[in-house]
Structures are given as structure tokens and as C-alpha cells.
N, C-alpha and C. Protein backbone atom coordinates (compact mmCIF):
# COMPACT_ATOMS: atom_id res chain seq x y z
N MET A 1 47.42 105.34 88.38
CA MET A 1 47.10 106.21 89.50
C MET A 1 48.00 107.49 89.20
N GLU A 2 47.42 108.60 89.19
CA GLU A 2 48.40 109.75 89.54
C GLU A 2 48.77 110.15 90.81
N GLN A 3 49.68 110.78 91.24
CA GLN A 3 49.85 111.00 92.93
C GLN A 3 49.26 112.25 93.26
N GLU A 4 48.55 112.34 94.59
CA GLU A 4 47.82 113.34 94.83
C GLU A 4 49.08 114.22 96.25
N TYR A 5 48.42 115.25 96.24
CA TYR A 5 49.22 116.19 97.31
C TYR A 5 48.33 117.15 98.35
N LEU A 6 48.53 116.87 99.39
CA LEU A 6 48.03 117.66 100.52
C LEU A 6 49.08 118.72 100.66
N VAL A 7 48.84 120.17 100.48
CA VAL A 7 50.10 120.96 100.54
C VAL A 7 50.04 121.61 102.19
N ASP A 8 50.74 122.09 102.43
CA ASP A 8 50.29 123.22 103.85
C ASP A 8 51.11 124.35 103.75
N THR A 9 50.47 125.28 104.26
CA THR A 9 50.51 126.61 104.19
C THR A 9 52.14 127.10 104.19
N ASN A 10 52.70 126.70 104.90
CA ASN A 10 54.27 126.95 105.04
C ASN A 10 54.99 126.73 103.87
N VAL A 11 54.24 125.43 103.20
CA VAL A 11 55.39 125.14 101.67
C VAL A 11 54.87 126.76 100.94
N PHE A 12 53.73 127.03 100.64
CA PHE A 12 53.07 128.05 99.71
C PHE A 12 54.23 129.60 100.10
N ILE A 13 54.31 129.84 101.80
CA ILE A 13 54.58 131.12 102.18
C ILE A 13 56.22 131.04 101.58
N ASP A 14 57.09 129.94 101.66
CA ASP A 14 58.47 129.17 101.46
C ASP A 14 58.34 129.57 100.08
N TYR A 15 57.37 129.05 98.89
CA TYR A 15 57.64 129.44 97.73
C TYR A 15 57.20 130.68 97.16
N MET A 16 56.44 131.30 97.93
CA MET A 16 56.64 133.10 97.78
C MET A 16 57.75 133.70 97.70
N SER A 17 58.37 133.28 98.71
CA SER A 17 59.37 134.05 99.35
C SER A 17 60.75 133.50 98.62
N GLU A 18 60.89 132.53 97.73
CA GLU A 18 61.49 131.36 97.00
C GLU A 18 62.50 131.00 98.20
N GLU A 19 62.20 130.95 99.32
CA GLU A 19 63.28 130.21 100.35
C GLU A 19 63.49 128.79 100.12
N LEU A 20 62.74 127.83 98.85
CA LEU A 20 63.03 126.78 98.49
C LEU A 20 64.10 126.63 97.71
N PRO A 21 64.56 125.21 97.81
CA PRO A 21 65.76 125.05 96.54
C PRO A 21 64.94 125.24 95.38
N ILE A 22 65.89 124.99 94.17
CA ILE A 22 65.33 125.51 92.59
C ILE A 22 64.37 124.18 92.69
N PRO A 23 65.06 122.86 92.75
CA PRO A 23 64.27 121.76 92.40
C PRO A 23 62.68 121.94 93.37
N ALA A 24 62.98 122.37 94.18
CA ALA A 24 61.56 122.61 95.17
C ALA A 24 60.37 123.44 94.58
N LEU A 25 61.26 124.52 93.97
CA LEU A 25 60.60 125.62 93.57
C LEU A 25 60.03 125.20 92.41
N SER A 26 60.30 124.49 91.31
CA SER A 26 60.07 123.78 90.28
C SER A 26 59.27 122.75 90.48
N PHE A 27 59.12 121.87 91.46
CA PHE A 27 57.92 120.83 92.02
C PHE A 27 56.95 121.73 91.84
N ILE A 28 57.07 122.84 93.05
CA ILE A 28 55.65 123.75 93.20
C ILE A 28 55.19 124.10 92.11
N ASP A 29 56.04 124.71 91.14
CA ASP A 29 55.27 125.20 89.93
C ASP A 29 54.42 124.41 88.92
N ASN A 30 55.02 122.89 89.27
CA ASN A 30 54.42 122.05 88.37
C ASN A 30 53.30 121.72 89.19
N LEU A 31 53.18 121.58 90.49
CA LEU A 31 51.94 121.34 91.05
C LEU A 31 50.89 122.54 91.00
N LEU A 32 51.39 123.75 90.97
CA LEU A 32 50.23 124.38 90.72
C LEU A 32 49.45 124.36 89.46
N ASN A 33 50.05 123.80 88.43
CA ASN A 33 49.44 123.76 87.01
C ASN A 33 48.63 122.26 87.23
N ASN A 34 48.78 121.28 88.11
CA ASN A 34 47.97 120.17 88.31
C ASN A 34 47.44 120.32 89.46
N GLN A 35 46.70 119.36 89.79
CA GLN A 35 45.84 118.96 90.90
C GLN A 35 46.21 118.75 92.64
N PHE A 36 46.05 119.40 93.02
CA PHE A 36 46.42 119.60 94.37
C PHE A 36 45.57 119.49 95.54
N HIS A 37 45.59 119.76 96.90
CA HIS A 37 44.42 119.66 98.10
C HIS A 37 45.37 120.59 98.94
N ILE A 38 44.22 121.24 99.69
CA ILE A 38 44.74 121.92 100.55
C ILE A 38 43.30 121.99 101.68
N SER A 39 43.99 122.01 102.91
CA SER A 39 42.67 122.10 103.86
C SER A 39 41.76 123.35 103.92
N ILE A 40 40.47 123.40 104.49
CA ILE A 40 40.08 124.64 104.79
C ILE A 40 40.47 125.42 105.71
N ILE A 41 41.48 124.58 106.73
CA ILE A 41 42.46 125.78 107.76
C ILE A 41 43.37 126.08 106.90
N ASN A 42 43.99 125.69 105.95
CA ASN A 42 45.00 126.54 105.20
C ASN A 42 44.39 127.49 104.23
N LYS A 43 43.18 127.22 103.80
CA LYS A 43 42.62 128.54 102.82
C LYS A 43 42.65 129.33 103.67
N ILE A 44 42.22 129.60 105.04
CA ILE A 44 41.72 130.70 106.03
C ILE A 44 43.16 131.16 106.57
N GLU A 45 44.40 130.06 106.57
CA GLU A 45 45.61 130.94 107.04
C GLU A 45 46.13 131.70 105.76
N LEU A 46 45.81 131.28 104.33
CA LEU A 46 46.29 131.96 103.48
C LEU A 46 45.76 133.07 103.02
N LEU A 47 44.21 133.20 103.44
CA LEU A 47 43.85 134.66 103.18
C LEU A 47 43.61 135.17 104.04
N GLY A 48 44.24 135.18 105.01
CA GLY A 48 44.26 135.95 106.73
C GLY A 48 45.44 136.58 106.72
N PHE A 49 46.43 136.97 105.72
CA PHE A 49 47.63 137.25 106.07
C PHE A 49 47.20 139.12 106.19
N LYS A 50 47.81 139.40 107.21
CA LYS A 50 47.65 141.40 107.01
C LYS A 50 49.25 141.52 106.80
N ASN A 51 48.57 142.66 106.29
CA ASN A 51 49.99 143.68 105.61
C ASN A 51 50.69 143.07 104.60
N ILE A 52 50.05 142.51 103.60
CA ILE A 52 50.74 141.79 102.56
C ILE A 52 50.37 142.93 101.09
N SER A 53 51.50 143.02 100.56
CA SER A 53 50.84 143.45 98.93
C SER A 53 49.96 143.03 97.95
N ALA A 54 49.38 143.83 97.38
CA ALA A 54 48.37 143.56 96.63
C ALA A 54 48.66 142.69 95.54
N ARG A 55 50.06 142.36 95.27
CA ARG A 55 50.41 141.31 94.28
C ARG A 55 50.52 139.63 95.09
N GLU A 56 50.87 139.85 96.41
CA GLU A 56 51.05 138.84 97.11
C GLU A 56 49.72 138.21 97.74
N GLU A 57 48.46 139.15 97.89
CA GLU A 57 47.12 138.65 97.89
C GLU A 57 46.41 137.84 96.90
N LYS A 58 46.78 138.69 95.62
CA LYS A 58 46.37 137.98 94.28
C LYS A 58 47.04 136.72 94.26
N ASN A 59 48.24 136.42 94.56
CA ASN A 59 49.04 135.23 93.89
C ASN A 59 48.62 134.21 94.98
N LEU A 60 48.24 134.65 96.58
CA LEU A 60 47.65 133.86 96.97
C LEU A 60 46.24 133.21 97.09
N SER A 61 45.47 134.27 96.40
CA SER A 61 43.96 134.18 96.10
C SER A 61 43.93 133.14 94.93
N ASN A 62 45.04 133.06 93.88
CA ASN A 62 45.05 132.00 92.77
C ASN A 62 45.29 130.76 93.06
N ILE A 63 46.42 130.63 94.32
CA ILE A 63 46.69 129.45 94.91
C ILE A 63 45.36 128.95 95.28
N VAL A 64 44.46 129.77 96.00
CA VAL A 64 43.27 128.91 96.76
C VAL A 64 42.55 128.80 95.65
N LYS A 65 42.15 129.49 94.70
CA LYS A 65 41.34 129.11 93.78
C LYS A 65 41.63 127.49 92.89
N ALA A 66 42.90 127.76 92.92
CA ALA A 66 42.98 126.38 92.01
C ALA A 66 43.30 125.21 92.95
N ALA A 67 43.34 125.13 93.90
CA ALA A 67 43.25 124.08 94.63
C ALA A 67 42.08 123.32 95.24
N ASN A 68 41.74 122.04 95.33
CA ASN A 68 40.67 121.02 95.89
C ASN A 68 40.66 121.75 97.33
N ILE A 69 39.83 122.16 97.82
CA ILE A 69 39.70 122.28 99.48
C ILE A 69 38.93 121.23 100.07
N ILE A 70 39.83 120.87 100.94
CA ILE A 70 39.22 119.63 101.73
C ILE A 70 38.76 120.28 103.29
N HIS A 71 37.56 120.06 103.21
CA HIS A 71 36.56 120.68 104.45
C HIS A 71 36.63 119.85 105.54
N LEU A 72 36.46 120.35 106.58
CA LEU A 72 35.81 119.30 107.87
C LEU A 72 34.71 118.65 107.90
N GLN A 73 34.66 117.83 108.63
CA GLN A 73 33.69 116.68 108.69
C GLN A 73 33.16 116.87 109.75
N ASN A 74 31.83 116.56 110.25
CA ASN A 74 31.49 116.51 111.68
C ASN A 74 31.40 114.53 111.69
N LEU A 75 32.19 114.42 112.75
CA LEU A 75 32.36 112.86 113.03
C LEU A 75 31.45 112.26 114.03
């Protein structure tokens, strides 16, 4: 069974600013080309940044589009 990952907002922030070690950047590159999950809260956080460039906004939007979104459930 393939391993699945739930990725936090901070991972993508550090990834985009290239603040992660090279092996981690490579891991995230690979992850973005495969299946990964983010929560609906992460989606809101990623798409809610102010004062970012058009390129950054596009990159974050592409990350969200590639992710499987985990929605909140009423318990």
C-alpha cells in the first residue's frame, strides 16, 4: 500500500521560500507530483495570504488544486 501524506501549510510556505534542506525540497517536489492531502483549513490558509506576488498566488493555487482536500465533518 502506498504511503499517504497529510501536509501542513508551513511545509508549503517553507518549500516556496526554499528554507528546507535539499532532500526535503526534493521530497516535496515528488509529493506534489503524486497524491497528498491537505485539510480545508490548510486550503483557506494557503489561499488567504495577503501581499503576495501573482506567481506565488498561482503556485499556491496549483498546490491546492493538486491536493485531496479533507473537509470538516459534523460529529
